[in-house]
Amino acid sequence: MKIFNLKTAARTLIFLKEHGIDSYEELAQKSAAASRDFHQVSSRLKEIGERKKAITELQKQIGTYGKTRETYQRYLVSGSVIRSYPAFSSGFKSVFRKYSLLAKC
């Protein structure tokens, strides 16, 4: 066990000399900087994950739009359902318009 501790201490000293760390204050500064960088990268990764989730959902909705576009066009031409269910049809139209505009981008 004693030899293991000596080897670990030797590796630590070699690391400190290679990185030009001569005092505890320098070690504390570099440690704080590394910790700060880690937290910045970590939060950025979280933002990227949330954005990826939003893009995946948007791709799904655009795919649905592409599949139902022709049916919706026929629905508009028929006009009978629009008079029967105005609340449903207005909501459906607004969602369809939203994704049809996004698909054109």
C-alpha atoms as a PDB file:
ATOM      1  CA  MET A   1       0.000   0.000   0.000  1.00  0.00           C
ATOM      2  CA  LYS A   2       2.858   2.367   0.808  1.00  0.00           C
ATOM      3  CA  ILE A   3       4.428   1.887  -2.649  1.00  0.00           C
ATOM      4  CA  PHE A   4       1.085   2.666  -4.320  1.00  0.00           C
ATOM      5  CA  ASN A   5       0.860   5.959  -2.412  1.00  0.00           C
ATOM      6  CA  LEU A   6       4.417   6.881  -3.391  1.00  0.00           C
ATOM      7  CA  LYS A   7       3.714   6.154  -7.063  1.00  0.00           C
ATOM      8  CA  THR A   8       0.542   8.245  -6.945  1.00  0.00           C
ATOM      9  CA  ALA A   9       2.395  11.138  -5.329  1.00  0.00           C
ATOM     10  CA  ALA A  10       5.144  10.898  -7.947  1.00  0.00           C
ATOM     11  CA  ARG A  11       2.590  10.974 -10.793  1.00  0.00           C
ATOM     12  CA  THR A  12       0.947  13.997  -9.191  1.00  0.00           C
ATOM     13  CA  LEU A  13       4.251  15.891  -8.960  1.00  0.00           C
ATOM     14  CA  ILE A  14       5.113  15.057 -12.551  1.00  0.00           C
ATOM     15  CA  PHE A  15       1.697  16.314 -13.693  1.00  0.00           C
ATOM     16  CA  LEU A  16       2.096  19.564 -11.746  1.00  0.00           C
ATOM     17  CA  LYS A  17       5.581  20.215 -13.205  1.00  0.00           C
ATOM     18  CA  GLU A  18       4.454  19.417 -16.769  1.00  0.00           C
ATOM     19  CA  HIS A  19       1.627  21.936 -16.481  1.00  0.00           C
ATOM     20  CA  GLY A  20       3.741  24.625 -14.796  1.00  0.00           C
ATOM     21  CA  ILE A  21       1.851  24.627 -11.514  1.00  0.00           C
ATOM     22  CA  ASP A  22       4.215  25.781  -8.777  1.00  0.00           C
ATOM     23  CA  SER A  23       1.843  26.784  -5.985  1.00  0.00           C
ATOM     24  CA  TYR A  24      -1.467  25.859  -4.428  1.00  0.00           C
ATOM     25  CA  GLU A  25      -2.985  29.161  -5.614  1.00  0.00           C
ATOM     26  CA  GLU A  26      -2.184  28.323  -9.244  1.00  0.00           C
ATOM     27  CA  LEU A  27      -3.694  24.877  -8.777  1.00  0.00           C
ATOM     28  CA  ALA A  28      -6.846  26.408  -7.267  1.00  0.00           C
ATOM     29  CA  GLN A  29      -7.131  28.916 -10.145  1.00  0.00           C
ATOM     30  CA  LYS A  30      -6.719  26.258 -12.821  1.00  0.00           C
ATOM     31  CA  SER A  31      -9.154  23.990 -11.008  1.00  0.00           C
ATOM     32  CA  ALA A  32     -11.760  26.776 -10.794  1.00  0.00           C
ATOM     33  CA  ALA A  33     -11.268  27.598 -14.491  1.00  0.00           C
ATOM     34  CA  ALA A  34     -11.677  23.948 -15.473  1.00  0.00           C
ATOM     35  CA  SER A  35     -14.809  23.665 -13.343  1.00  0.00           C
ATOM     36  CA  ARG A  36     -16.278  26.837 -14.886  1.00  0.00           C
ATOM     37  CA  ASP A  37     -15.540  25.572 -18.408  1.00  0.00           C
ATOM     38  CA  PHE A  38     -17.143  22.234 -17.594  1.00  0.00           C
ATOM     39  CA  HIS A  39     -20.339  23.904 -16.372  1.00  0.00           C
ATOM     40  CA  GLN A  40     -20.488  26.125 -19.471  1.00  0.00           C
ATOM     41  CA  VAL A  41     -20.085  23.167 -21.797  1.00  0.00           C
ATOM     42  CA  SER A  42     -22.584  21.162 -19.786  1.00  0.00           C
ATOM     43  CA  SER A  43     -25.253  23.872 -20.001  1.00  0.00           C
ATOM     44  CA  ARG A  44     -24.570  24.323 -23.725  1.00  0.00           C
ATOM     45  CA  LEU A  45     -25.057  20.587 -24.263  1.00  0.00           C
ATOM     46  CA  LYS A  46     -28.375  20.788 -22.430  1.00  0.00           C
ATOM     47  CA  GLU A  47     -29.485  23.656 -24.708  1.00  0.00           C
ATOM     48  CA  ILE A  48     -28.439  21.701 -27.782  1.00  0.00           C
ATOM     49  CA  GLY A  49     -30.388  18.653 -26.557  1.00  0.00           C
ATOM     50  CA  GLU A  50     -33.527  20.749 -26.078  1.00  0.00           C
ATOM     51  CA  ARG A  51     -33.114  22.295 -29.539  1.00  0.00           C
ATOM     52  CA  LYS A  52     -32.632  18.842 -31.051  1.00  0.00           C
ATOM     53  CA  LYS A  53     -35.848  17.684 -29.402  1.00  0.00           C
ATOM     54  CA  ALA A  54     -37.729  20.678 -30.830  1.00  0.00           C
ATOM     55  CA  ILE A  55     -36.326  20.071 -34.319  1.00  0.00           C
ATOM     56  CA  THR A  56     -37.287  16.394 -34.150  1.00  0.00           C
ATOM     57  CA  GLU A  57     -40.854  17.346 -33.246  1.00  0.00           C
ATOM     58  CA  LEU A  58     -40.947  19.890 -36.064  1.00  0.00           C
ATOM     59  CA  GLN A  59     -39.695  17.287 -38.557  1.00  0.00           C
ATOM     60  CA  LYS A  60     -42.436  14.932 -37.405  1.00  0.00           C
ATOM     61  CA  GLN A  61     -45.092  17.623 -37.883  1.00  0.00           C
ATOM     62  CA  ILE A  62     -43.754  18.565 -41.321  1.00  0.00           C
ATOM     63  CA  GLY A  63     -43.854  14.906 -42.329  1.00  0.00           C
ATOM     64  CA  THR A  64     -47.468  14.697 -41.167  1.00  0.00           C
ATOM     65  CA  TYR A  65     -48.233  17.852 -43.132  1.00  0.00           C
ATOM     66  CA  GLY A  66     -46.725  16.329 -46.259  1.00  0.00           C
ATOM     67  CA  LYS A  67     -48.803  13.193 -45.863  1.00  0.00           C
ATOM     68  CA  THR A  68     -52.082  15.009 -45.209  1.00  0.00           C
ATOM     69  CA  ARG A  69     -51.736  17.974 -47.565  1.00  0.00           C
ATOM     70  CA  GLU A  70     -53.682  16.442 -50.421  1.00  0.00           C
ATOM     71  CA  THR A  71     -56.475  15.327 -48.099  1.00  0.00           C
ATOM     72  CA  TYR A  72     -56.681  18.807 -46.617  1.00  0.00           C
ATOM     73  CA  GLN A  73     -56.904  20.374 -50.095  1.00  0.00           C
ATOM     74  CA  ARG A  74     -59.825  18.091 -50.922  1.00  0.00           C
ATOM     75  CA  TYR A  75     -61.382  18.986 -47.560  1.00  0.00           C
ATOM     76  CA  LEU A  76     -61.212  22.679 -48.412  1.00  0.00           C
ATOM     77  CA  VAL A  77     -62.775  22.136 -51.821  1.00  0.00           C
ATOM     78  CA  SER A  78     -65.678  20.143 -50.372  1.00  0.00           C
ATOM     79  CA  GLY A  79     -66.664  22.924 -47.933  1.00  0.00           C
ATOM     80  CA  SER A  80     -69.393  20.842 -46.277  1.00  0.00           C
ATOM     81  CA  VAL A  81     -67.504  20.050 -43.086  1.00  0.00           C
ATOM     82  CA  ILE A  82     -66.470  23.672 -42.626  1.00  0.00           C
ATOM     83  CA  ARG A  83     -70.087  24.729 -42.207  1.00  0.00           C
ATOM     84  CA  SER A  84     -70.887  21.797 -39.928  1.00  0.00           C
ATOM     85  CA  TYR A  85     -67.997  22.210 -37.473  1.00  0.00           C
ATOM     86  CA  PRO A  86     -66.688  25.793 -37.589  1.00  0.00           C
ATOM     87  CA  ALA A  87     -64.681  25.589 -34.329  1.00  0.00           C
ATOM     88  CA  PHE A  88     -62.930  22.400 -35.401  1.00  0.00           C
ATOM     89  CA  SER A  89     -62.248  23.615 -38.895  1.00  0.00           C
ATOM     90  CA  SER A  90     -60.774  26.956 -37.749  1.00  0.00           C
ATOM     91  CA  GLY A  91     -58.379  25.193 -35.365  1.00  0.00           C
ATOM     92  CA  PHE A  92     -57.430  22.687 -38.018  1.00  0.00           C
ATOM     93  CA  LYS A  93     -56.838  25.463 -40.545  1.00  0.00           C
ATOM     94  CA  SER A  94     -54.584  27.438 -38.214  1.00  0.00           C
ATOM     95  CA  VAL A  95     -52.411  24.400 -37.461  1.00  0.00           C
ATOM     96  CA  PHE A  96     -52.263  23.484 -41.127  1.00  0.00           C
ATOM     97  CA  ARG A  97     -51.313  27.051 -42.138  1.00  0.00           C
ATOM     98  CA  LYS A  98     -48.581  27.138 -39.501  1.00  0.00           C
ATOM     99  CA  TYR A  99     -46.884  24.029 -40.802  1.00  0.00           C
ATOM    100  CA  SER A 100     -47.464  24.838 -44.442  1.00  0.00           C
ATOM    101  CA  LEU A 101     -45.549  28.081 -43.932  1.00  0.00           C
ATOM    102  CA  LEU A 102     -42.727  26.234 -42.189  1.00  0.00           C
ATOM    103  CA  ALA A 103     -42.523  23.665 -44.967  1.00  0.00           C
ATOM    104  CA  LYS A 104     -41.894  26.438 -47.518  1.00  0.00           C
ATOM    105  CA  CYS A 105     -38.766  27.627 -45.669  1.00  0.00           C
END
